[in-house]
Amino acid sequence: MDNSYRFYRNTACEYFPCHKVKDEESFNCMFCYCPLYLLEECGGNYIDNNGIKDCSNCLIPHSPKGYDYINEKLMAKIREMQSENLKKKDE
């Protein structure tokens, strides 16, 4: 895949790839650190290690469609928070 605003592969990174994958050509480095980490339910493949997420087995942010998935999850969380704020204002 070509680098774009949705996909970026940084083969110069000393950690590339930071996860074991079958196809390094489609490994997306756009989200080196997952912006969904702070969400209680991110939808990823993580292990709860005494309250700390271990995301070593999650490849969502590094998949070719990871950009779209992450943006959809973030927008859903924003809508949820906006809705909660509106309810509080109505009380």
N, C-alpha and C. Protein backbone atom coordinates (compact mmCIF):
# COMPACT_ATOMS: atom_id res chain seq x y z
N MET A 1 0.84 -1.18 0.00
CA MET A 1 0.00 0.00 0.00
C MET A 1 0.88 1.24 0.00
N ASP A 2 0.40 2.28 -0.64
CA ASP A 2 1.13 3.54 -0.67
C ASP A 2 0.83 4.36 0.57
N ASN A 3 1.82 5.13 1.02
CA ASN A 3 1.62 6.02 2.15
C ASN A 3 0.58 7.08 1.80
N SER A 4 -0.28 7.38 2.75
CA SER A 4 -1.33 8.38 2.56
C SER A 4 -1.77 8.86 3.93
N TYR A 5 -2.84 9.63 3.98
CA TYR A 5 -3.33 10.08 5.28
C TYR A 5 -3.97 8.94 6.07
N ARG A 6 -4.24 7.81 5.44
CA ARG A 6 -4.84 6.65 6.10
C ARG A 6 -3.85 5.54 6.39
N PHE A 7 -2.73 5.59 5.73
CA PHE A 7 -1.78 4.49 5.83
C PHE A 7 -0.35 5.02 5.76
N TYR A 8 0.48 4.55 6.66
CA TYR A 8 1.89 4.94 6.67
C TYR A 8 2.71 3.77 7.18
N ARG A 9 3.69 3.38 6.41
CA ARG A 9 4.57 2.27 6.80
C ARG A 9 5.97 2.83 7.00
N ASN A 10 6.46 2.75 8.22
CA ASN A 10 7.77 3.31 8.56
C ASN A 10 8.79 2.19 8.71
N THR A 11 9.36 1.77 7.62
CA THR A 11 10.33 0.67 7.66
C THR A 11 11.66 1.12 8.26
N ALA A 12 11.86 2.43 8.41
CA ALA A 12 13.10 2.94 9.03
C ALA A 12 13.04 2.86 10.56
N CYS A 13 11.87 2.62 11.10
CA CYS A 13 11.72 2.54 12.56
C CYS A 13 12.49 1.32 13.09
N GLU A 14 13.20 1.51 14.16
CA GLU A 14 13.98 0.39 14.72
C GLU A 14 13.09 -0.72 15.26
N TYR A 15 11.80 -0.44 15.49
CA TYR A 15 10.88 -1.44 16.01
C TYR A 15 10.00 -2.06 14.93
N PHE A 16 10.18 -1.66 13.69
CA PHE A 16 9.31 -2.15 12.61
C PHE A 16 9.60 -3.60 12.29
N PRO A 17 8.58 -4.42 12.20
CA PRO A 17 7.24 -4.21 12.71
C PRO A 17 7.22 -4.49 14.21
N CYS A 18 6.40 -3.77 14.93
CA CYS A 18 6.36 -3.92 16.39
C CYS A 18 5.52 -5.11 16.82
N HIS A 19 4.82 -5.72 15.90
CA HIS A 19 4.04 -6.94 16.15
C HIS A 19 4.41 -7.94 15.07
N LYS A 20 4.32 -9.21 15.41
CA LYS A 20 4.58 -10.24 14.41
C LYS A 20 3.39 -10.32 13.47
N VAL A 21 3.65 -10.20 12.18
CA VAL A 21 2.60 -10.24 11.17
C VAL A 21 3.06 -11.08 9.99
N LYS A 22 2.10 -11.53 9.22
CA LYS A 22 2.41 -12.32 8.03
C LYS A 22 2.84 -11.43 6.87
N ASP A 23 2.23 -10.25 6.77
CA ASP A 23 2.46 -9.38 5.61
C ASP A 23 2.93 -8.00 6.06
N GLU A 24 4.22 -7.77 6.03
CA GLU A 24 4.77 -6.47 6.44
C GLU A 24 4.40 -5.36 5.47
N GLU A 25 4.06 -5.70 4.24
CA GLU A 25 3.69 -4.69 3.24
C GLU A 25 2.41 -3.96 3.61
N SER A 26 1.52 -4.62 4.35
CA SER A 26 0.25 -3.99 4.72
C SER A 26 0.24 -3.57 6.19
N PHE A 27 1.41 -3.53 6.83
CA PHE A 27 1.51 -3.13 8.23
C PHE A 27 1.44 -1.61 8.32
N ASN A 28 0.42 -1.11 9.01
CA ASN A 28 0.17 0.33 9.10
C ASN A 28 0.77 0.90 10.39
N CYS A 29 1.64 1.88 10.23
CA CYS A 29 2.28 2.54 11.38
C CYS A 29 1.60 3.87 11.73
N MET A 30 0.48 4.16 11.09
CA MET A 30 -0.19 5.44 11.30
C MET A 30 -0.44 5.71 12.78
N PHE A 31 -0.92 4.69 13.49
CA PHE A 31 -1.16 4.82 14.92
C PHE A 31 -0.13 3.95 15.64
N CYS A 32 1.03 4.51 15.83
CA CYS A 32 2.09 3.78 16.52
C CYS A 32 1.61 3.38 17.91
N TYR A 33 0.91 4.30 18.57
CA TYR A 33 0.25 4.01 19.84
C TYR A 33 -1.24 4.15 19.60
N CYS A 34 -1.99 3.19 20.03
CA CYS A 34 -3.42 3.18 19.72
C CYS A 34 -4.19 4.25 20.49
N PRO A 35 -4.92 5.11 19.78
CA PRO A 35 -5.72 6.13 20.45
C PRO A 35 -6.93 5.55 21.20
N LEU A 36 -7.22 4.28 20.99
CA LEU A 36 -8.35 3.66 21.67
C LEU A 36 -7.96 3.04 23.01
N TYR A 37 -6.70 3.11 23.36
CA TYR A 37 -6.22 2.47 24.59
C TYR A 37 -7.03 2.88 25.81
N LEU A 38 -7.40 4.14 25.90
CA LEU A 38 -8.11 4.64 27.08
C LEU A 38 -9.58 4.25 27.13
N LEU A 39 -10.12 3.76 26.02
CA LEU A 39 -11.52 3.33 26.02
C LEU A 39 -11.64 2.00 26.76
N GLU A 40 -12.64 1.91 27.61
CA GLU A 40 -12.85 0.67 28.34
C GLU A 40 -13.11 -0.49 27.38
N GLU A 41 -13.95 -0.23 26.39
CA GLU A 41 -14.23 -1.24 25.36
C GLU A 41 -13.76 -0.72 24.01
N CYS A 42 -12.54 -1.04 23.68
CA CYS A 42 -11.95 -0.56 22.43
C CYS A 42 -12.28 -1.49 21.25
N GLY A 43 -12.65 -2.72 21.56
CA GLY A 43 -12.95 -3.68 20.51
C GLY A 43 -11.73 -4.47 20.07
N GLY A 44 -10.60 -4.19 20.69
CA GLY A 44 -9.37 -4.87 20.30
C GLY A 44 -9.12 -6.15 21.06
N ASN A 45 -8.08 -6.82 20.68
CA ASN A 45 -7.69 -8.10 21.27
C ASN A 45 -6.63 -7.82 22.34
N TYR A 46 -7.09 -7.50 23.55
CA TYR A 46 -6.16 -7.19 24.62
C TYR A 46 -6.39 -8.11 25.81
N ILE A 47 -5.41 -8.13 26.69
CA ILE A 47 -5.49 -8.89 27.92
C ILE A 47 -5.42 -7.89 29.07
N ASP A 48 -6.33 -8.01 30.03
CA ASP A 48 -6.30 -7.14 31.20
C ASP A 48 -5.29 -7.71 32.18
N ASN A 49 -4.26 -6.94 32.45
CA ASN A 49 -3.20 -7.37 33.35
C ASN A 49 -3.23 -6.47 34.58
N ASN A 50 -4.11 -6.81 35.51
CA ASN A 50 -4.29 -6.01 36.74
C ASN A 50 -4.63 -4.56 36.43
N GLY A 51 -5.57 -4.36 35.53
CA GLY A 51 -6.02 -3.01 35.19
C GLY A 51 -5.21 -2.33 34.11
N ILE A 52 -4.19 -2.98 33.61
CA ILE A 52 -3.38 -2.42 32.52
C ILE A 52 -3.59 -3.27 31.29
N LYS A 53 -3.95 -2.62 30.19
CA LYS A 53 -4.17 -3.36 28.95
C LYS A 53 -2.84 -3.81 28.36
N ASP A 54 -2.78 -5.07 28.00
CA ASP A 54 -1.65 -5.60 27.24
C ASP A 54 -2.18 -5.82 25.83
N CYS A 55 -1.80 -4.96 24.93
CA CYS A 55 -2.32 -4.96 23.56
C CYS A 55 -1.37 -5.64 22.58
N SER A 56 -0.45 -6.41 23.10
CA SER A 56 0.56 -7.05 22.25
C SER A 56 -0.03 -7.88 21.13
N ASN A 57 -1.20 -8.48 21.38
CA ASN A 57 -1.82 -9.35 20.38
C ASN A 57 -2.82 -8.63 19.48
N CYS A 58 -2.96 -7.33 19.65
CA CYS A 58 -3.94 -6.58 18.86
C CYS A 58 -3.28 -5.95 17.65
N LEU A 59 -3.87 -6.17 16.51
CA LEU A 59 -3.33 -5.61 15.27
C LEU A 59 -4.27 -4.60 14.62
N ILE A 60 -5.36 -4.25 15.30
CA ILE A 60 -6.33 -3.31 14.71
C ILE A 60 -5.68 -2.03 14.22
N PRO A 61 -4.89 -1.34 15.05
CA PRO A 61 -4.33 -0.08 14.56
C PRO A 61 -3.33 -0.26 13.43
N HIS A 62 -2.80 -1.46 13.28
CA HIS A 62 -1.78 -1.71 12.27
C HIS A 62 -2.32 -2.37 11.01
N SER A 63 -3.62 -2.60 10.98
CA SER A 63 -4.23 -3.22 9.79
C SER A 63 -4.53 -2.14 8.75
N PRO A 64 -4.65 -2.52 7.49
CA PRO A 64 -4.95 -1.53 6.45
C PRO A 64 -6.24 -0.76 6.71
N LYS A 65 -7.22 -1.39 7.36
CA LYS A 65 -8.49 -0.70 7.65
C LYS A 65 -8.54 -0.14 9.07
N GLY A 66 -7.42 -0.16 9.76
CA GLY A 66 -7.35 0.31 11.13
C GLY A 66 -7.71 1.78 11.28
N TYR A 67 -7.30 2.59 10.32
CA TYR A 67 -7.60 4.02 10.36
C TYR A 67 -9.10 4.25 10.43
N ASP A 68 -9.85 3.59 9.55
CA ASP A 68 -11.31 3.75 9.52
C ASP A 68 -11.94 3.22 10.81
N TYR A 69 -11.48 2.06 11.28
CA TYR A 69 -12.02 1.47 12.50
C TYR A 69 -11.82 2.42 13.68
N ILE A 70 -10.63 2.94 13.84
CA ILE A 70 -10.31 3.82 14.96
C ILE A 70 -11.13 5.10 14.88
N ASN A 71 -11.24 5.69 13.72
CA ASN A 71 -12.03 6.91 13.58
C ASN A 71 -13.50 6.67 13.90
N GLU A 72 -14.03 5.54 13.46
CA GLU A 72 -15.43 5.21 13.76
C GLU A 72 -15.64 5.06 15.27
N LYS A 73 -14.72 4.37 15.95
CA LYS A 73 -14.84 4.18 17.40
C LYS A 73 -14.72 5.52 18.14
N LEU A 74 -13.80 6.38 17.70
CA LEU A 74 -13.64 7.68 18.35
C LEU A 74 -14.87 8.55 18.14
N MET A 75 -15.41 8.55 16.94
CA MET A 75 -16.60 9.35 16.67
C MET A 75 -17.80 8.84 17.47
N ALA A 76 -17.92 7.53 17.62
CA ALA A 76 -19.01 6.96 18.42
C ALA A 76 -18.87 7.39 19.88
N LYS A 77 -17.65 7.41 20.39
CA LYS A 77 -17.42 7.83 21.77
C LYS A 77 -17.73 9.32 21.94
N ILE A 78 -17.37 10.12 20.96
CA ILE A 78 -17.67 11.56 21.01
C ILE A 78 -19.18 11.78 21.02
N ARG A 79 -19.91 11.07 20.16
CA ARG A 79 -21.36 11.20 20.13
C ARG A 79 -21.98 10.78 21.46
N GLU A 80 -21.46 9.71 22.04
CA GLU A 80 -21.95 9.23 23.33
C GLU A 80 -21.74 10.29 24.41
N MET A 81 -20.58 10.89 24.43
CA MET A 81 -20.27 11.92 25.43
C MET A 81 -21.11 13.16 25.23
N GLN A 82 -21.34 13.54 23.97
CA GLN A 82 -22.19 14.70 23.68
C GLN A 82 -23.62 14.44 24.16
N SER A 83 -24.11 13.23 23.93
CA SER A 83 -25.44 12.87 24.36
C SER A 83 -25.56 12.92 25.88
N GLU A 84 -24.57 12.42 26.57
CA GLU A 84 -24.56 12.45 28.04
C GLU A 84 -24.55 13.89 28.54
N ASN A 85 -23.78 14.75 27.90
CA ASN A 85 -23.72 16.16 28.30
C ASN A 85 -25.04 16.86 28.09
N LEU A 86 -25.74 16.53 26.99
CA LEU A 86 -27.05 17.12 26.74
C LEU A 86 -28.06 16.69 27.80
N LYS A 87 -28.00 15.42 28.21
CA LYS A 87 -28.90 14.92 29.23
C LYS A 87 -28.64 15.63 30.55
N LYS A 88 -27.40 15.87 30.87
CA LYS A 88 -27.07 16.56 32.13
C LYS A 88 -27.58 18.00 32.10
N LYS A 89 -27.51 18.64 30.96
CA LYS A 89 -27.99 20.01 30.84
C LYS A 89 -29.51 20.10 31.00
N ASP A 90 -30.20 19.05 30.55
CA ASP A 90 -31.67 19.01 30.63
C ASP A 90 -32.17 18.72 32.05
N GLU A 91 -31.32 18.24 32.90
CA GLU A 91 -31.74 17.88 34.27
C GLU A 91 -31.95 19.10 35.13
